[in-house]
Protein backbone atom coordinates (compact mmCIF):
# COMPACT_ATOMS: atom_id res chain seq x y z
CA MET A 1 -7.85 -0.39 2.26
CA ARG A 2 -9.99 0.26 4.96
CA LYS A 3 -8.38 3.89 5.08
CA GLN A 4 -8.34 4.04 1.40
CA LEU A 5 -4.63 3.83 1.38
CA LEU A 6 -4.75 1.44 -1.56
CA HIS A 7 -7.53 0.84 -4.19
CA THR A 8 -7.16 -3.08 -4.07
CA ALA A 9 -4.64 -5.71 -2.29
CA VAL A 10 -5.07 -9.34 -3.54
CA ARG A 11 -3.23 -12.47 -2.40
CA VAL A 12 -2.12 -15.11 -4.97
CA PRO A 13 -1.63 -18.94 -4.33
CA ASN A 14 1.90 -18.56 -4.32
CA GLY A 15 2.02 -16.32 -1.43
CA GLN A 16 2.50 -12.93 -3.32
CA TRP A 17 0.33 -9.67 -3.22
CA LEU A 18 -1.20 -7.95 -6.24
CA VAL A 19 -2.07 -3.93 -5.09
CA GLN A 20 -3.00 -1.14 -6.81
CA HIS A 21 -2.94 2.39 -5.51
CA THR A 22 -5.68 3.69 -7.97
CA PRO A 23 -8.43 1.81 -9.94
CA ASP A 24 -6.63 2.79 -13.16
CA GLY A 25 -2.90 2.62 -11.74
CA ASP A 26 -0.38 -0.24 -12.20
CA VAL A 27 -0.70 -3.16 -10.51
CA ARG A 28 2.60 -4.01 -8.57
CA VAL A 29 3.64 -7.52 -7.24
CA LEU A 30 4.87 -7.79 -3.55
CA ALA A 31 7.01 -10.82 -2.59
CA GLY A 32 4.94 -11.41 0.53
CA PRO A 33 3.94 -10.30 3.71
CA ALA A 34 6.98 -8.34 4.80
CA ALA A 35 6.66 -6.45 1.75
CA VAL A 36 3.12 -5.48 2.38
CA VAL A 37 4.29 -4.06 5.80
CA GLU A 38 7.05 -2.23 3.99
CA LEU A 39 4.61 -0.84 1.52
CA ALA A 40 2.11 0.37 4.52
CA ALA A 41 4.79 1.84 6.33
CA ALA A 42 5.96 3.90 3.35
CA ILE A 43 2.49 5.06 2.87
CA GLN A 44 2.33 6.15 6.39
CA HIS A 45 5.51 7.95 6.29
CA ARG A 46 4.61 9.59 3.07
CA ILE A 47 1.25 10.84 4.63
CA ARG A 48 2.56 11.76 7.93
CA SER A 49 5.55 13.92 6.30
CA THR A 50 3.28 15.65 3.84
CA ARG A 51 0.60 16.66 6.26
CA PRO A 52 0.72 20.76 7.67
CA GLU A 53 1.92 20.86 11.34
CA ILE A 54 -0.81 21.47 13.73
CA ARG A 55 -0.07 23.79 16.67
């Protein structure tokens, strides 16, 4: 959230995470910390693969 990759991420008491990419986007339910790390990795990969190459 610090770099605005997600709109919000909230941990619920059962250990799951609720995340939203945009304020009006769908809420995703992630199973736990490992799923949050996987999501972060997927976002970083997508960002890096769509950036123009600097020479």
